[in-house]
PDB file of N, CA and C in Angstrom:
ATOM      1  N   MET A   1     120.963  75.304  92.582  1.00  0.00           N
ATOM      2  CA  MET A   1     119.625  75.303  91.882  1.00  0.00           C
ATOM      3  C   MET A   1     118.171  74.706  91.583  1.00  0.00           C
ATOM      4  N   LYS A   2     117.306  75.932  91.307  1.00  0.00           N
ATOM      5  CA  LYS A   2     115.899  75.079  90.433  1.00  0.00           C
ATOM      6  C   LYS A   2     116.154  74.632  89.676  1.00  0.00           C
ATOM      7  N   PRO A   3     114.893  74.307  89.287  1.00  0.00           N
ATOM      8  CA  PRO A   3     115.087  73.572  87.865  1.00  0.00           C
ATOM      9  C   PRO A   3     114.097  74.415  86.917  1.00  0.00           C
ATOM     10  N   TYR A   4     115.128  74.872  86.238  1.00  0.00           N
ATOM     11  CA  TYR A   4     114.214  76.388  85.341  1.00  0.00           C
ATOM     12  C   TYR A   4     113.999  75.372  84.140  1.00  0.00           C
ATOM     13  N   THR A   5     112.906  75.775  82.826  1.00  0.00           N
ATOM     14  CA  THR A   5     113.186  75.491  81.585  1.00  0.00           C
ATOM     15  C   THR A   5     113.700  76.043  79.776  1.00  0.00           C
ATOM     16  N   ASN A   6     114.024  78.074  80.744  1.00  0.00           N
ATOM     17  CA  ASN A   6     114.568  78.787  79.808  1.00  0.00           C
ATOM     18  C   ASN A   6     115.194  79.619  80.497  1.00  0.00           C
ATOM     19  N   ILE A   7     115.647  80.465  80.152  1.00  0.00           N
ATOM     20  CA  ILE A   7     116.137  81.834  80.161  1.00  0.00           C
ATOM     21  C   ILE A   7     115.622  82.670  81.583  1.00  0.00           C
ATOM     22  N   ASN A   8     115.344  82.926  79.983  1.00  0.00           N
ATOM     23  CA  ASN A   8     113.967  84.005  81.473  1.00  0.00           C
ATOM     24  C   ASN A   8     113.858  83.677  82.808  1.00  0.00           C
ATOM     25  N   GLU A   9     112.770  82.274  82.608  1.00  0.00           N
ATOM     26  CA  GLU A   9     112.360  81.449  84.124  1.00  0.00           C
ATOM     27  C   GLU A   9     113.886  81.380  85.306  1.00  0.00           C
ATOM     28  N   LEU A  10     115.156  80.984  83.947  1.00  0.00           N
ATOM     29  CA  LEU A  10     116.218  81.217  85.266  1.00  0.00           C
ATOM     30  C   LEU A  10     116.001  83.177  85.961  1.00  0.00           C
ATOM     31  N   ILE A  11     116.690  84.236  84.992  1.00  0.00           N
ATOM     32  CA  ILE A  11     116.638  84.747  85.102  1.00  0.00           C
ATOM     33  C   ILE A  11     115.808  85.215  86.813  1.00  0.00           C
ATOM     34  N   GLU A  12     114.487  85.306  86.118  1.00  0.00           N
ATOM     35  CA  GLU A  12     113.121  85.153  87.513  1.00  0.00           C
ATOM     36  C   GLU A  12     113.969  84.777  88.830  1.00  0.00           C
ATOM     37  N   LEU A  13     113.610  83.455  88.423  1.00  0.00           N
ATOM     38  CA  LEU A  13     114.558  82.736  89.826  1.00  0.00           C
ATOM     39  C   LEU A  13     115.606  83.139  90.316  1.00  0.00           C
ATOM     40  N   LEU A  14     116.348  83.826  89.335  1.00  0.00           N
ATOM     41  CA  LEU A  14     117.717  84.110  91.018  1.00  0.00           C
ATOM     42  C   LEU A  14     117.226  85.509  91.270  1.00  0.00           C
ATOM     43  N   GLU A  15     116.349  86.997  90.234  1.00  0.00           N
ATOM     44  CA  GLU A  15     116.140  87.487  90.959  1.00  0.00           C
ATOM     45  C   GLU A  15     115.559  87.499  92.435  1.00  0.00           C
ATOM     46  N   ALA A  16     114.648  86.360  92.001  1.00  0.00           N
ATOM     47  CA  ALA A  16     113.263  86.564  93.654  1.00  0.00           C
ATOM     48  C   ALA A  16     114.581  85.560  94.542  1.00  0.00           C
ATOM     49  N   ASP A  17     115.528  85.271  94.581  1.00  0.00           N
ATOM     50  CA  ASP A  17     115.861  84.761  95.407  1.00  0.00           C
ATOM     51  C   ASP A  17     117.250  85.925  95.797  1.00  0.00           C
ATOM     52  N   MET A  18     117.846  86.829  94.576  1.00  0.00           N
ATOM     53  CA  MET A  18     117.482  88.007  95.363  1.00  0.00           C
ATOM     54  C   MET A  18     117.247  89.084  96.775  1.00  0.00           C
ATOM     55  N   LYS A  19     115.482  88.813  96.369  1.00  0.00           N
ATOM     56  CA  LYS A  19     115.186  90.466  97.054  1.00  0.00           C
ATOM     57  C   LYS A  19     115.120  89.497  98.591  1.00  0.00           C
ATOM     58  N   ALA A  20     115.052  88.058  97.832  1.00  0.00           N
ATOM     59  CA  ALA A  20     114.456  87.403  99.765  1.00  0.00           C
ATOM     60  C   ALA A  20     116.513  86.925 100.248  1.00  0.00           C
ATOM     61  N   ILE A  21     116.931  87.343  99.905  1.00  0.00           N
ATOM     62  CA  ILE A  21     118.677  87.549 100.801  1.00  0.00           C
ATOM     63  C   ILE A  21     118.625  88.846 101.248  1.00  0.00           C
ATOM     64  N   SER A  22     118.469  90.073 100.159  1.00  0.00           N
ATOM     65  CA  SER A  22     118.436  91.093 100.619  1.00  0.00           C
ATOM     66  C   SER A  22     117.387  91.832 101.689  1.00  0.00           C
ATOM     67  N   ASP A  23     115.868  90.386 101.750  1.00  0.00           N
ATOM     68  CA  ASP A  23     114.619  91.141 103.130  1.00  0.00           C
ATOM     69  C   ASP A  23     115.072  90.455 104.221  1.00  0.00           C
ATOM     70  N   GLU A  24     116.175  89.104 104.208  1.00  0.00           N
ATOM     71  CA  GLU A  24     117.263  88.691 105.278  1.00  0.00           C
ATOM     72  C   GLU A  24     118.195  90.043 105.484  1.00  0.00           C
ATOM     73  N   ILE A  25     119.260  89.721 105.108  1.00  0.00           N
ATOM     74  CA  ILE A  25     119.526  90.758 105.161  1.00  0.00           C
ATOM     75  C   ILE A  25     119.463  92.327 106.243  1.00  0.00           C
ATOM     76  N   PHE A  26     118.061  92.474 105.174  1.00  0.00           N
ATOM     77  CA  PHE A  26     117.557  94.328 105.653  1.00  0.00           C
ATOM     78  C   PHE A  26     117.089  93.658 107.741  1.00  0.00           C
ATOM     79  N   THR A  27     116.493  92.449 107.661  1.00  0.00           N
ATOM     80  CA  THR A  27     115.816  91.391 108.984  1.00  0.00           C
ATOM     81  C   THR A  27     117.053  91.561 109.827  1.00  0.00           C
ATOM     82  N   LEU A  28     117.445  91.490 109.533  1.00  0.00           N
ATOM     83  CA  LEU A  28     119.658  91.482 110.376  1.00  0.00           C
ATOM     84  C   LEU A  28     119.851  92.323 110.856  1.00  0.00           C
ATOM     85  N   LYS A  29     119.428  93.220 109.567  1.00  0.00           N
ATOM     86  CA  LYS A  29     119.826  95.146 110.303  1.00  0.00           C
ATOM     87  C   LYS A  29     119.721  95.881 111.443  1.00  0.00           C
ATOM     88  N   GLN A  30     118.371  94.920 111.649  1.00  0.00           N
ATOM     89  CA  GLN A  30     117.331  95.884 112.414  1.00  0.00           C
ATOM     90  C   GLN A  30     117.969  95.572 113.739  1.00  0.00           C
ATOM     91  N   GLU A  31     116.796  96.401 114.698  1.00  0.00           N
ATOM     92  CA  GLU A  31     117.500  96.421 116.557  1.00  0.00           C
ATOM     93  C   GLU A  31     116.596  95.340 116.770  1.00  0.00           C
ATOM     94  N   PRO A  32     116.772  94.405 117.850  1.00  0.00           N
ATOM     95  CA  PRO A  32     115.886  94.324 118.631  1.00  0.00           C
ATOM     96  C   PRO A  32     115.141  95.056 118.909  1.00  0.00           C
ATOM     97  N   GLN A  33     113.561  93.788 118.742  1.00  0.00           N
ATOM     98  CA  GLN A  33     112.532  94.999 119.401  1.00  0.00           C
ATOM     99  C   GLN A  33     111.368  94.103 120.444  1.00  0.00           C
ATOM    100  N   SER A  34     112.075  93.486 121.388  1.00  0.00           N
ATOM    101  CA  SER A  34     112.585  92.827 122.313  1.00  0.00           C
ATOM    102  C   SER A  34     112.831  91.944 122.931  1.00  0.00           C
ATOM    103  N   PHE A  35     112.867  91.780 124.013  1.00  0.00           N
ATOM    104  CA  PHE A  35     113.963  90.846 124.977  1.00  0.00           C
ATOM    105  C   PHE A  35     113.774  89.105 123.865  1.00  0.00           C
ATOM    106  N   ASN A  36     112.136  88.752 123.474  1.00  0.00           N
ATOM    107  CA  ASN A  36     112.742  87.232 123.323  1.00  0.00           C
ATOM    108  C   ASN A  36     113.597  87.588 121.463  1.00  0.00           C
ATOM    109  N   GLU A  37     113.131  88.469 120.746  1.00  0.00           N
ATOM    110  CA  GLU A  37     113.573  89.473 119.734  1.00  0.00           C
ATOM    111  C   GLU A  37     115.134  89.170 119.884  1.00  0.00           C
ATOM    112  N   GLN A  38     115.763  89.861 120.838  1.00  0.00           N
ATOM    113  CA  GLN A  38     117.795  90.354 121.162  1.00  0.00           C
ATOM    114  C   GLN A  38     118.129  88.377 121.510  1.00  0.00           C
ATOM    115  N   VAL A  39     116.884  87.319 122.284  1.00  0.00           N
ATOM    116  CA  VAL A  39     117.353  86.350 122.697  1.00  0.00           C
ATOM    117  C   VAL A  39     117.957  85.577 120.987  1.00  0.00           C
ATOM    118  N   VAL A  40     116.651  85.524 119.731  1.00  0.00           N
ATOM    119  CA  VAL A  40     116.620  84.709 118.253  1.00  0.00           C
ATOM    120  C   VAL A  40     118.021  85.866 117.644  1.00  0.00           C
ATOM    121  N   PHE A  41     118.369  86.682 117.887  1.00  0.00           N
ATOM    122  CA  PHE A  41     119.415  87.717 117.286  1.00  0.00           C
ATOM    123  C   PHE A  41     120.450  86.318 117.767  1.00  0.00           C
ATOM    124  N   LYS A  42     120.410  87.003 119.069  1.00  0.00           N
ATOM    125  CA  LYS A  42     122.340  86.152 119.992  1.00  0.00           C
ATOM    126  C   LYS A  42     122.425  84.547 119.789  1.00  0.00           C
ATOM    127  N   TYR A  43     120.936  83.596 119.015  1.00  0.00           N
ATOM    128  CA  TYR A  43     120.723  82.417 118.696  1.00  0.00           C
ATOM    129  C   TYR A  43     121.415  82.661 116.858  1.00  0.00           C
ATOM    130  N   ILE A  44     121.158  83.402 116.332  1.00  0.00           N
ATOM    131  CA  ILE A  44     121.751  82.704 114.508  1.00  0.00           C
ATOM    132  C   ILE A  44     122.449  83.783 114.815  1.00  0.00           C
ATOM    133  N   ASP A  45     123.766  84.809 116.291  1.00  0.00           N
ATOM    134  CA  ASP A  45     124.716  84.667 115.632  1.00  0.00           C
ATOM    135  C   ASP A  45     125.682  83.876 115.889  1.00  0.00           C
ATOM    136  N   THR A  46     125.419  83.088 117.477  1.00  0.00           N
ATOM    137  CA  THR A  46     125.825  81.672 117.749  1.00  0.00           C
ATOM    138  C   THR A  46     125.525  80.587 116.888  1.00  0.00           C
ATOM    139  N   ALA A  47     124.821  80.669 116.306  1.00  0.00           N
ATOM    140  CA  ALA A  47     124.725  79.121 115.788  1.00  0.00           C
ATOM    141  C   ALA A  47     124.158  77.980 116.847  1.00  0.00           C
ATOM    142  N   SER A  48     123.871  78.834 118.738  1.00  0.00           N
ATOM    143  CA  SER A  48     124.385  77.427 119.500  1.00  0.00           C
ATOM    144  C   SER A  48     123.424  77.345 120.106  1.00  0.00           C
ATOM    145  N   THR A  49     122.614  76.293 121.253  1.00  0.00           N
ATOM    146  CA  THR A  49     121.860  76.756 121.804  1.00  0.00           C
ATOM    147  C   THR A  49     122.223  77.860 123.485  1.00  0.00           C
ATOM    148  N   GLY A  50     123.264  76.119 123.260  1.00  0.00           N
ATOM    149  CA  GLY A  50     124.091  76.687 124.392  1.00  0.00           C
ATOM    150  C   GLY A  50     124.519  77.829 125.324  1.00  0.00           C
ATOM    151  N   LYS A  51     124.907  77.856 124.280  1.00  0.00           N
ATOM    152  CA  LYS A  51     126.114  80.145 124.405  1.00  0.00           C
ATOM    153  C   LYS A  51     124.855  80.415 124.719  1.00  0.00           C
ATOM    154  N   THR A  52     123.876  80.762 123.958  1.00  0.00           N
ATOM    155  CA  THR A  52     122.372  81.601 123.980  1.00  0.00           C
ATOM    156  C   THR A  52     121.766  81.461 125.050  1.00  0.00           C
ATOM    157  N   LYS A  53     121.914  80.787 125.653  1.00  0.00           N
ATOM    158  CA  LYS A  53     121.718  80.247 127.028  1.00  0.00           C
ATOM    159  C   LYS A  53     122.680  80.478 128.621  1.00  0.00           C
ATOM    160  N   ASP A  54     123.311  80.385 127.702  1.00  0.00           N
ATOM    161  CA  ASP A  54     124.983  80.855 128.397  1.00  0.00           C
ATOM    162  C   ASP A  54     124.064  82.600 128.788  1.00  0.00           C
ATOM    163  N   TYR A  55     123.982  83.049 127.580  1.00  0.00           N
ATOM    164  CA  TYR A  55     124.127  84.439 127.557  1.00  0.00           C
ATOM    165  C   TYR A  55     122.371  84.783 127.262  1.00  0.00           C
ATOM    166  N   VAL A  56     121.572  84.059 127.922  1.00  0.00           N
ATOM    167  CA  VAL A  56     120.819  84.840 128.574  1.00  0.00           C
ATOM    168  C   VAL A  56     121.022  84.546 129.664  1.00  0.00           C
ATOM    169  N   ARG A  57     121.546  83.549 130.482  1.00  0.00           N
ATOM    170  CA  ARG A  57     121.785  83.469 132.243  1.00  0.00           C
ATOM    171  C   ARG A  57     122.209  84.604 132.749  1.00  0.00           C
ATOM    172  N   SER A  58     123.633  84.939 131.781  1.00  0.00           N
ATOM    173  CA  SER A  58     124.423  85.889 132.154  1.00  0.00           C
ATOM    174  C   SER A  58     124.256  87.589 132.153  1.00  0.00           C
ATOM    175  N   LEU A  59     123.020  87.615 131.431  1.00  0.00           N
ATOM    176  CA  LEU A  59     122.038  88.492 132.035  1.00  0.00           C
ATOM    177  C   LEU A  59     121.108  88.170 133.321  1.00  0.00           C
ATOM    178  N   GLY A  60     120.900  87.482 133.814  1.00  0.00           N
ATOM    179  CA  GLY A  60     120.155  87.434 134.638  1.00  0.00           C
ATOM    180  C   GLY A  60     118.111  87.183 135.143  1.00  0.00           C
ATOM    181  N   VAL A  61     118.160  86.845 133.536  1.00  0.00           N
ATOM    182  CA  VAL A  61     116.644  85.550 133.210  1.00  0.00           C
ATOM    183  C   VAL A  61     116.675  85.231 133.688  1.00  0.00           C
ATOM    184  N   LYS A  62     115.078  84.632 133.810  1.00  0.00           N
ATOM    185  CA  LYS A  62     115.307  83.092 134.488  1.00  0.00           C
ATOM    186  C   LYS A  62     113.874  83.804 132.949  1.00  0.00           C
ATOM    187  N   SER A  63     113.730  81.387 133.343  1.00  0.00           N
ATOM    188  CA  SER A  63     112.706  81.131 132.359  1.00  0.00           C
ATOM    189  C   SER A  63     111.003  81.906 133.110  1.00  0.00           C
ATOM    190  N   GLU A  64     109.611  80.899 131.533  1.00  0.00           N
ATOM    191  CA  GLU A  64     108.590  81.462 132.233  1.00  0.00           C
ATOM    192  C   GLU A  64     108.828  80.296 133.335  1.00  0.00           C
ATOM    193  N   ARG A  65     109.164  79.647 133.652  1.00  0.00           N
ATOM    194  CA  ARG A  65     108.934  78.184 134.829  1.00  0.00           C
ATOM    195  C   ARG A  65     109.591  79.195 135.671  1.00  0.00           C
ATOM    196  N   GLY A  66     110.222  79.935 135.910  1.00  0.00           N
ATOM    197  CA  GLY A  66     111.519  80.483 137.208  1.00  0.00           C
ATOM    198  C   GLY A  66     112.592  80.182 137.119  1.00  0.00           C
ATOM    199  N   SER A  67     113.056  79.494 136.497  1.00  0.00           N
ATOM    200  CA  SER A  67     114.146  78.279 137.146  1.00  0.00           C
ATOM    201  C   SER A  67     115.112  78.918 135.711  1.00  0.00           C
ATOM    202  N   LEU A  68     116.492  78.828 135.829  1.00  0.00           N
ATOM    203  CA  LEU A  68     117.456  79.955 135.126  1.00  0.00           C
ATOM    204  C   LEU A  68     116.895  78.521 133.527  1.00  0.00           C
ATOM    205  N   PHE A  69     117.678  79.896 133.096  1.00  0.00           N
ATOM    206  CA  PHE A  69     116.813  79.603 130.996  1.00  0.00           C
ATOM    207  C   PHE A  69     117.781  78.486 130.546  1.00  0.00           C
ATOM    208  N   SER A  70     116.923  77.583 130.150  1.00  0.00           N
ATOM    209  CA  SER A  70     118.100  76.180 129.462  1.00  0.00           C
ATOM    210  C   SER A  70     117.353  75.891 127.442  1.00  0.00           C
ATOM    211  N   SER A  71     118.442  75.824 126.762  1.00  0.00           N
ATOM    212  CA  SER A  71     119.094  75.391 125.894  1.00  0.00           C
ATOM    213  C   SER A  71     117.021  74.777 125.102  1.00  0.00           C
ATOM    214  N   GLY A  72     116.845  73.951 126.637  1.00  0.00           N
ATOM    215  CA  GLY A  72     115.854  73.946 125.874  1.00  0.00           C
ATOM    216  C   GLY A  72     114.532  74.133 125.767  1.00  0.00           C
ATOM    217  N   ASP A  73     114.871  75.919 126.304  1.00  0.00           N
ATOM    218  CA  ASP A  73     114.142  76.987 125.983  1.00  0.00           C
ATOM    219  C   ASP A  73     114.243  78.337 125.147  1.00  0.00           C
ATOM    220  N   VAL A  74     115.419  78.493 124.413  1.00  0.00           N
ATOM    221  CA  VAL A  74     115.632  79.291 123.294  1.00  0.00           C
ATOM    222  C   VAL A  74     115.015  77.912 122.156  1.00  0.00           C
ATOM    223  N   THR A  75     115.654  76.554 122.502  1.00  0.00           N
ATOM    224  CA  THR A  75     114.764  75.758 121.099  1.00  0.00           C
ATOM    225  C   THR A  75     113.039  76.019 121.159  1.00  0.00           C
ATOM    226  N   LYS A  76     112.565  76.070 121.992  1.00  0.00           N
ATOM    227  CA  LYS A  76     111.046  75.475 122.182  1.00  0.00           C
ATOM    228  C   LYS A  76     110.562  77.848 121.750  1.00  0.00           C
ATOM    229  N   LEU A  77     111.419  78.432 121.982  1.00  0.00           N
ATOM    230  CA  LEU A  77     111.650  79.398 121.699  1.00  0.00           C
ATOM    231  C   LEU A  77     111.628  80.217 119.751  1.00  0.00           C
ATOM    232  N   ILE A  78     112.600  79.556 119.151  1.00  0.00           N
ATOM    233  CA  ILE A  78     112.270  79.557 118.068  1.00  0.00           C
ATOM    234  C   ILE A  78     110.690  78.833 117.783  1.00  0.00           C
ATOM    235  N   LYS A  79     111.421  77.796 117.710  1.00  0.00           N
ATOM    236  CA  LYS A  79     109.888  76.633 117.056  1.00  0.00           C
ATOM    237  C   LYS A  79     108.683  77.106 117.432  1.00  0.00           C
ATOM    238  N   GLY A  80     108.403  77.385 118.154  1.00  0.00           N
ATOM    239  CA  GLY A  80     107.755  78.300 118.963  1.00  0.00           C
ATOM    240  C   GLY A  80     106.931  79.413 118.755  1.00  0.00           C
ATOM    241  N   GLY A  81     108.057  80.228 118.496  1.00  0.00           N
ATOM    242  CA  GLY A  81     107.791  81.167 118.403  1.00  0.00           C
ATOM    243  C   GLY A  81     107.481  81.855 119.342  1.00  0.00           C
ATOM    244  N   ALA A  82     106.800  83.444 119.526  1.00  0.00           N
ATOM    245  CA  ALA A  82     106.031  84.581 120.605  1.00  0.00           C
ATOM    246  C   ALA A  82     105.623  85.333 119.577  1.00  0.00           C
ATOM    247  N   ASP A  83     104.617  86.234 120.658  1.00  0.00           N
ATOM    248  CA  ASP A  83     104.067  87.787 119.474  1.00  0.00           C
ATOM    249  C   ASP A  83     105.033  88.628 119.237  1.00  0.00           C
ATOM    250  N   ASP A  84     105.964  88.084 119.760  1.00  0.00           N
ATOM    251  CA  ASP A  84     107.006  89.855 119.979  1.00  0.00           C
ATOM    252  C   ASP A  84     108.285  89.304 118.728  1.00  0.00           C
ATOM    253  N   ILE A  85     108.040  89.259 118.058  1.00  0.00           N
ATOM    254  CA  ILE A  85     108.974  88.447 117.829  1.00  0.00           C
ATOM    255  C   ILE A  85     108.215  88.136 116.002  1.00  0.00           C
ATOM    256  N   SER A  86     109.098  89.200 114.624  1.00  0.00           N
ATOM    257  CA  SER A  86     109.039  88.836 113.789  1.00  0.00           C
ATOM    258  C   SER A  86     108.711  87.928 113.213  1.00  0.00           C
ATOM    259  N   PRO A  87     107.793  87.523 112.599  1.00  0.00           N
ATOM    260  CA  PRO A  87     108.040  86.031 111.716  1.00  0.00           C
ATOM    261  C   PRO A  87     109.364  86.151 110.451  1.00  0.00           C
ATOM    262  N   GLU A  88     110.045  87.547 110.179  1.00  0.00           N
ATOM    263  CA  GLU A  88     111.251  87.477 109.181  1.00  0.00           C
ATOM    264  C   GLU A  88     111.957  86.719 110.145  1.00  0.00           C
ATOM    265  N   LEU A  89     112.061  87.917 111.126  1.00  0.00           N
ATOM    266  CA  LEU A  89     113.701  86.861 111.922  1.00  0.00           C
ATOM    267  C   LEU A  89     113.723  85.297 112.767  1.00  0.00           C
ATOM    268  N   LEU A  90     112.246  84.949 112.312  1.00  0.00           N
ATOM    269  CA  LEU A  90     112.016  83.018 113.363  1.00  0.00           C
ATOM    270  C   LEU A  90     112.538  82.616 111.502  1.00  0.00           C
ATOM    271  N   ALA A  91     111.870  82.890 110.427  1.00  0.00           N
ATOM    272  CA  ALA A  91     111.984  82.167 109.642  1.00  0.00           C
ATOM    273  C   ALA A  91     113.625  82.054 109.376  1.00  0.00           C
ATOM    274  N   ILE A  92     114.653  83.502 110.150  1.00  0.00           N
ATOM    275  CA  ILE A  92     115.884  82.869 110.117  1.00  0.00           C
ATOM    276  C   ILE A  92     116.596  82.245 110.737  1.00  0.00           C
ATOM    277  N   ALA A  93     116.131  82.149 112.606  1.00  0.00           N
ATOM    278  CA  ALA A  93     116.777  82.050 113.144  1.00  0.00           C
ATOM    279  C   ALA A  93     116.160  80.352 112.248  1.00  0.00           C
ATOM    280  N   ARG A  94     115.099  79.952 112.020  1.00  0.00           N
ATOM    281  CA  ARG A  94     114.963  78.236 111.690  1.00  0.00           C
ATOM    282  C   ARG A  94     115.907  77.891 110.956  1.00  0.00           C
ATOM    283  N   LYS A  95     115.930  78.351 110.151  1.00  0.00           N
ATOM    284  CA  LYS A  95     116.921  77.893 108.972  1.00  0.00           C
ATOM    285  C   LYS A  95     118.153  77.845 109.420  1.00  0.00           C
ATOM    286  N   VAL A  96     118.617  78.626 109.846  1.00  0.00           N
ATOM    287  CA  VAL A  96     120.248  78.285 110.834  1.00  0.00           C
ATOM    288  C   VAL A  96     120.178  76.683 111.230  1.00  0.00           C
ATOM    289  N   ILE A  97     118.493  76.521 112.523  1.00  0.00           N
ATOM    290  CA  ILE A  97     118.720  75.079 113.227  1.00  0.00           C
ATOM    291  C   ILE A  97     118.916  74.356 112.420  1.00  0.00           C
ATOM    292  N   ASN A  98     117.519  74.182 110.994  1.00  0.00           N
ATOM    293  CA  ASN A  98     118.166  73.534 109.053  1.00  0.00           C
ATOM    294  C   ASN A  98     119.361  73.401 108.664  1.00  0.00           C
ATOM    295  N   MET A  99     120.286  74.510 108.508  1.00  0.00           N
ATOM    296  CA  MET A  99     121.333  74.782 108.204  1.00  0.00           C
ATOM    297  C   MET A  99     122.143  73.061 109.430  1.00  0.00           C
ATOM    298  N   LYS A 100     122.440  73.459 110.621  1.00  0.00           N
ATOM    299  CA  LYS A 100     122.950  72.766 111.841  1.00  0.00           C
ATOM    300  C   LYS A 100     122.253  71.168 111.794  1.00  0.00           C
ATOM    301  N   LYS A 101     121.281  70.823 110.955  1.00  0.00           N
ATOM    302  CA  LYS A 101     121.095  69.386 111.214  1.00  0.00           C
ATOM    303  C   LYS A 101     121.106  68.590 110.084  1.00  0.00           C
ATOM    304  N   LYS A 102     121.642  69.684 108.253  1.00  0.00           N
ATOM    305  CA  LYS A 102     121.723  69.127 107.915  1.00  0.00           C
ATOM    306  C   LYS A 102     123.197  68.796 108.241  1.00  0.00           C
ATOM    307  N   ASN A 103     124.332  69.080 108.805  1.00  0.00           N
ATOM    308  CA  ASN A 103     125.832  69.288 108.461  1.00  0.00           C
ATOM    309  C   ASN A 103     125.501  68.317 109.102  1.00  0.00           C
ATOM    310  N   SER A 104     124.948  68.479 110.372  1.00  0.00           N
ATOM    311  CA  SER A 104     125.792  66.847 111.978  1.00  0.00           C
ATOM    312  C   SER A 104     125.059  66.355 110.533  1.00  0.00           C
ATOM    313  N   SER A 105     123.856  65.865 109.825  1.00  0.00           N
ATOM    314  CA  SER A 105     123.287  64.870 109.388  1.00  0.00           C
ATOM    315  C   SER A 105     125.481  64.381 108.180  1.00  0.00           C
ATOM    316  N   ASN A 106     125.443  64.558 108.113  1.00  0.00           N
ATOM    317  CA  ASN A 106     126.784  64.580 107.210  1.00  0.00           C
ATOM    318  C   ASN A 106     128.143  64.308 107.920  1.00  0.00           C
ATOM    319  N   ARG A 107     128.069  64.293 109.272  1.00  0.00           N
ATOM    320  CA  ARG A 107     129.194  63.491 109.653  1.00  0.00           C
ATOM    321  C   ARG A 107     130.219  62.193 110.131  1.00  0.00           C
TER     322      ARG A 107
END
């Protein structure tokens, strides 16, 4: 919870959190508008670059280099973004990466 100075400020903070969560839910309910968004949705679904890579390979899609799609390609797509991926979707995928980093540092 974020620090607050009074109950009104706490209410404002909680309402802002609710709006942010509602916006994320709305984004996740959308259909992918491009192949890159499809890849990012798969990453968010699995929280795994390896599983996402396997999914892309099962579709027969190769990387920009013309070789098999790799976990590094998934990471590069999420970290670097692309013109055909909504910024809101990328923000969610980046949150997933950060959550995984936090969980792995606790082991």
